[in-house]
Amino acid sequence: MTLPDTEMRLSDAETGAPMVVIGLDDRAGLPDLQRRLRELGFMEGEPVCVLRRGQPGGEPLAVRIGASTFALRRIEAACVRVAARLVT
């Protein structure tokens, strides 16, 4: 699936860049993953930010969604479509 120029996968987002959730997809082929991500708060319109990446390999990703912080595997973060969020 090719994303519009304004969207990217959370796994590809720059560390520290303010983003907003656009949607979820089943890129990982894990049937329960979308439900789990929604339960964690990955809902359309929610602010999200990658705080840190583990070493080596950049996994897991420490991700802040709303007021909560979670560790996501790269394959899980790749299921979250995001866009840059303007901070005023």
N, C-alpha and C. Protein backbone atom coordinates (compact mmCIF):
# COMPACT_ATOMS: atom_id res chain seq x y z
N MET A 1 0.84 -1.18 0.00
CA MET A 1 0.00 0.00 0.00
C MET A 1 0.88 1.24 0.00
N THR A 2 0.69 2.08 -1.02
CA THR A 2 1.43 3.33 -1.10
C THR A 2 0.66 4.41 -0.36
N LEU A 3 1.34 5.15 0.48
CA LEU A 3 0.69 6.19 1.25
C LEU A 3 0.77 7.53 0.51
N PRO A 4 -0.22 8.41 0.71
CA PRO A 4 -0.12 9.76 0.15
C PRO A 4 1.13 10.46 0.68
N ASP A 5 1.58 11.49 -0.05
CA ASP A 5 2.81 12.19 0.34
C ASP A 5 2.75 12.77 1.74
N THR A 6 1.55 13.06 2.24
CA THR A 6 1.42 13.69 3.55
C THR A 6 1.42 12.67 4.68
N GLU A 7 1.35 11.37 4.35
CA GLU A 7 1.30 10.32 5.37
C GLU A 7 2.58 9.51 5.39
N MET A 8 2.84 8.90 6.53
CA MET A 8 3.95 7.96 6.66
C MET A 8 3.58 6.93 7.72
N ARG A 9 4.38 5.95 7.86
CA ARG A 9 4.19 4.94 8.91
C ARG A 9 4.88 5.44 10.19
N LEU A 10 4.28 5.14 11.33
CA LEU A 10 4.88 5.57 12.60
C LEU A 10 6.29 5.01 12.73
N SER A 11 6.54 3.84 12.20
CA SER A 11 7.88 3.24 12.27
C SER A 11 8.93 4.07 11.52
N ASP A 12 8.47 4.91 10.57
CA ASP A 12 9.39 5.75 9.79
C ASP A 12 9.44 7.19 10.28
N ALA A 13 8.66 7.52 11.30
CA ALA A 13 8.61 8.90 11.79
C ALA A 13 9.92 9.27 12.48
N GLU A 14 10.28 10.52 12.33
CA GLU A 14 11.50 11.02 12.97
C GLU A 14 11.31 11.06 14.48
N THR A 15 12.31 10.67 15.22
CA THR A 15 12.26 10.71 16.68
C THR A 15 12.03 12.15 17.15
N GLY A 16 11.03 12.33 18.00
CA GLY A 16 10.72 13.64 18.57
C GLY A 16 9.76 14.48 17.74
N ALA A 17 9.44 14.07 16.53
CA ALA A 17 8.55 14.86 15.67
C ALA A 17 7.09 14.66 16.09
N PRO A 18 6.35 15.77 16.31
CA PRO A 18 4.93 15.64 16.66
C PRO A 18 4.12 15.15 15.46
N MET A 19 3.36 14.09 15.66
CA MET A 19 2.57 13.48 14.59
C MET A 19 1.13 13.31 15.09
N VAL A 20 0.25 12.97 14.17
CA VAL A 20 -1.13 12.66 14.52
C VAL A 20 -1.50 11.36 13.81
N VAL A 21 -2.29 10.52 14.49
CA VAL A 21 -2.71 9.24 13.90
C VAL A 21 -3.74 9.50 12.81
N ILE A 22 -3.50 8.94 11.64
CA ILE A 22 -4.43 9.03 10.51
C ILE A 22 -5.29 7.77 10.44
N GLY A 23 -4.70 6.63 10.77
CA GLY A 23 -5.45 5.38 10.72
C GLY A 23 -4.54 4.18 10.97
N LEU A 24 -5.12 3.00 10.93
CA LEU A 24 -4.40 1.74 11.15
C LEU A 24 -4.62 0.85 9.94
N ASP A 25 -3.66 -0.02 9.67
CA ASP A 25 -3.90 -1.05 8.67
C ASP A 25 -3.25 -2.34 9.13
N ASP A 26 -3.49 -3.41 8.38
CA ASP A 26 -3.05 -4.74 8.79
C ASP A 26 -1.78 -5.14 8.06
N ARG A 27 -0.83 -4.26 8.02
CA ARG A 27 0.43 -4.52 7.33
C ARG A 27 1.18 -5.71 7.91
N ALA A 28 1.04 -5.93 9.20
CA ALA A 28 1.78 -7.01 9.86
C ALA A 28 1.13 -8.38 9.66
N GLY A 29 -0.12 -8.40 9.21
CA GLY A 29 -0.82 -9.68 9.04
C GLY A 29 -1.18 -10.33 10.36
N LEU A 30 -1.27 -9.53 11.41
CA LEU A 30 -1.64 -10.03 12.73
C LEU A 30 -3.08 -9.59 13.01
N PRO A 31 -4.04 -10.51 12.98
CA PRO A 31 -5.45 -10.14 13.04
C PRO A 31 -5.86 -9.34 14.28
N ASP A 32 -5.25 -9.56 15.41
CA ASP A 32 -5.66 -8.86 16.64
C ASP A 32 -4.90 -7.56 16.87
N LEU A 33 -3.92 -7.27 16.03
CA LEU A 33 -3.08 -6.11 16.29
C LEU A 33 -3.83 -4.78 16.20
N GLN A 34 -4.69 -4.61 15.20
CA GLN A 34 -5.45 -3.36 15.09
C GLN A 34 -6.32 -3.14 16.33
N ARG A 35 -6.98 -4.20 16.78
CA ARG A 35 -7.82 -4.08 17.98
C ARG A 35 -6.96 -3.68 19.18
N ARG A 36 -5.79 -4.32 19.33
CA ARG A 36 -4.90 -4.02 20.46
C ARG A 36 -4.41 -2.57 20.40
N LEU A 37 -4.04 -2.12 19.20
CA LEU A 37 -3.56 -0.74 19.06
C LEU A 37 -4.68 0.25 19.40
N ARG A 38 -5.92 -0.04 18.96
CA ARG A 38 -7.05 0.85 19.31
C ARG A 38 -7.26 0.88 20.82
N GLU A 39 -7.15 -0.28 21.47
CA GLU A 39 -7.31 -0.33 22.93
C GLU A 39 -6.24 0.49 23.64
N LEU A 40 -5.04 0.57 23.04
CA LEU A 40 -3.96 1.37 23.63
C LEU A 40 -4.15 2.87 23.39
N GLY A 41 -5.07 3.22 22.48
CA GLY A 41 -5.35 4.63 22.23
C GLY A 41 -4.94 5.13 20.86
N PHE A 42 -4.49 4.24 19.98
CA PHE A 42 -4.09 4.65 18.63
C PHE A 42 -5.35 4.83 17.78
N MET A 43 -6.03 5.95 18.02
CA MET A 43 -7.27 6.29 17.33
C MET A 43 -7.00 7.48 16.42
N GLU A 44 -7.78 7.56 15.35
CA GLU A 44 -7.64 8.66 14.39
C GLU A 44 -7.74 10.00 15.10
N GLY A 45 -6.79 10.88 14.83
CA GLY A 45 -6.78 12.23 15.39
C GLY A 45 -5.97 12.37 16.67
N GLU A 46 -5.50 11.24 17.26
CA GLU A 46 -4.72 11.32 18.50
C GLU A 46 -3.29 11.78 18.21
N PRO A 47 -2.77 12.68 19.03
CA PRO A 47 -1.36 13.07 18.87
C PRO A 47 -0.45 11.91 19.28
N VAL A 48 0.65 11.74 18.56
CA VAL A 48 1.58 10.64 18.82
C VAL A 48 2.99 11.12 18.51
N CYS A 49 3.97 10.55 19.21
CA CYS A 49 5.36 10.94 19.00
C CYS A 49 6.27 9.76 19.34
N VAL A 50 7.26 9.50 18.49
CA VAL A 50 8.29 8.51 18.82
C VAL A 50 9.29 9.19 19.73
N LEU A 51 9.44 8.69 20.95
CA LEU A 51 10.33 9.32 21.93
C LEU A 51 11.77 8.82 21.79
N ARG A 52 11.91 7.50 21.60
CA ARG A 52 13.25 6.89 21.53
C ARG A 52 13.18 5.62 20.70
N ARG A 53 14.35 5.20 20.24
CA ARG A 53 14.48 3.93 19.54
C ARG A 53 15.55 3.12 20.25
N GLY A 54 15.27 1.83 20.44
CA GLY A 54 16.23 0.96 21.09
C GLY A 54 17.41 0.70 20.18
N GLN A 55 18.46 0.19 20.77
CA GLN A 55 19.67 -0.13 20.02
C GLN A 55 20.07 -1.56 20.32
N PRO A 56 20.57 -2.33 19.40
CA PRO A 56 20.77 -1.98 18.00
C PRO A 56 19.49 -2.24 17.21
N GLY A 57 19.41 -1.74 16.02
CA GLY A 57 18.31 -2.00 15.11
C GLY A 57 17.11 -1.10 15.25
N GLY A 58 17.11 -0.20 16.22
CA GLY A 58 16.01 0.74 16.35
C GLY A 58 14.75 0.17 16.96
N GLU A 59 14.83 -0.99 17.62
CA GLU A 59 13.67 -1.59 18.27
C GLU A 59 13.96 -1.81 19.74
N PRO A 60 12.95 -1.75 20.57
CA PRO A 60 11.60 -1.28 20.29
C PRO A 60 11.58 0.24 20.18
N LEU A 61 10.43 0.78 19.78
CA LEU A 61 10.23 2.22 19.73
C LEU A 61 9.45 2.62 20.97
N ALA A 62 9.93 3.62 21.70
CA ALA A 62 9.16 4.20 22.81
C ALA A 62 8.26 5.26 22.19
N VAL A 63 6.95 5.07 22.32
CA VAL A 63 5.97 5.92 21.64
C VAL A 63 5.02 6.53 22.66
N ARG A 64 4.83 7.83 22.57
CA ARG A 64 3.84 8.51 23.42
C ARG A 64 2.58 8.73 22.60
N ILE A 65 1.45 8.24 23.13
CA ILE A 65 0.14 8.46 22.50
C ILE A 65 -0.73 9.08 23.59
N GLY A 66 -1.20 10.28 23.35
CA GLY A 66 -1.94 10.99 24.40
C GLY A 66 -1.02 11.21 25.58
N ALA A 67 -1.43 10.76 26.78
CA ALA A 67 -0.62 10.92 27.98
C ALA A 67 0.10 9.64 28.38
N SER A 68 0.05 8.60 27.53
CA SER A 68 0.64 7.30 27.86
C SER A 68 1.84 7.01 26.96
N THR A 69 2.77 6.21 27.49
CA THR A 69 3.95 5.82 26.73
C THR A 69 3.99 4.30 26.63
N PHE A 70 4.24 3.79 25.41
CA PHE A 70 4.29 2.36 25.16
C PHE A 70 5.54 2.02 24.38
N ALA A 71 5.97 0.76 24.48
CA ALA A 71 7.04 0.23 23.63
C ALA A 71 6.38 -0.58 22.53
N LEU A 72 6.69 -0.26 21.29
CA LEU A 72 6.15 -0.99 20.14
C LEU A 72 7.29 -1.58 19.33
N ARG A 73 7.06 -2.80 18.83
CA ARG A 73 7.98 -3.36 17.86
C ARG A 73 7.83 -2.58 16.55
N ARG A 74 8.87 -2.61 15.73
CA ARG A 74 8.81 -1.89 14.46
C ARG A 74 7.63 -2.36 13.61
N ILE A 75 7.36 -3.67 13.59
CA ILE A 75 6.26 -4.21 12.77
C ILE A 75 4.91 -3.69 13.27
N GLU A 76 4.79 -3.46 14.58
CA GLU A 76 3.55 -2.91 15.13
C GLU A 76 3.42 -1.43 14.75
N ALA A 77 4.51 -0.68 14.88
CA ALA A 77 4.48 0.75 14.54
C ALA A 77 4.23 0.96 13.05
N ALA A 78 4.60 -0.01 12.23
CA ALA A 78 4.38 0.11 10.79
C ALA A 78 2.90 0.02 10.43
N CYS A 79 2.07 -0.44 11.33
CA CYS A 79 0.61 -0.54 11.09
C CYS A 79 -0.10 0.77 11.39
N VAL A 80 0.60 1.74 11.96
CA VAL A 80 -0.01 3.02 12.32
C VAL A 80 0.38 4.06 11.27
N ARG A 81 -0.63 4.59 10.56
CA ARG A 81 -0.39 5.66 9.57
C ARG A 81 -0.49 7.00 10.29
N VAL A 82 0.50 7.86 10.06
CA VAL A 82 0.55 9.15 10.75
C VAL A 82 0.84 10.27 9.75
N ALA A 83 0.61 11.49 10.19
CA ALA A 83 0.97 12.68 9.42
C ALA A 83 1.57 13.67 10.41
N ALA A 84 2.35 14.59 9.88
CA ALA A 84 2.96 15.62 10.73
C ALA A 84 1.86 16.45 11.38
N ARG A 85 2.09 16.81 12.64
CA ARG A 85 1.14 17.64 13.38
C ARG A 85 1.75 19.02 13.57
N LEU A 86 1.01 20.04 13.21
CA LEU A 86 1.49 21.40 13.40
C LEU A 86 1.35 21.77 14.87
N VAL A 87 2.44 22.25 15.45
CA VAL A 87 2.42 22.68 16.85
C VAL A 87 2.40 24.20 16.86
N THR A 88 1.40 24.75 17.54
CA THR A 88 1.29 26.22 17.58
C THR A 88 1.65 26.75 18.94
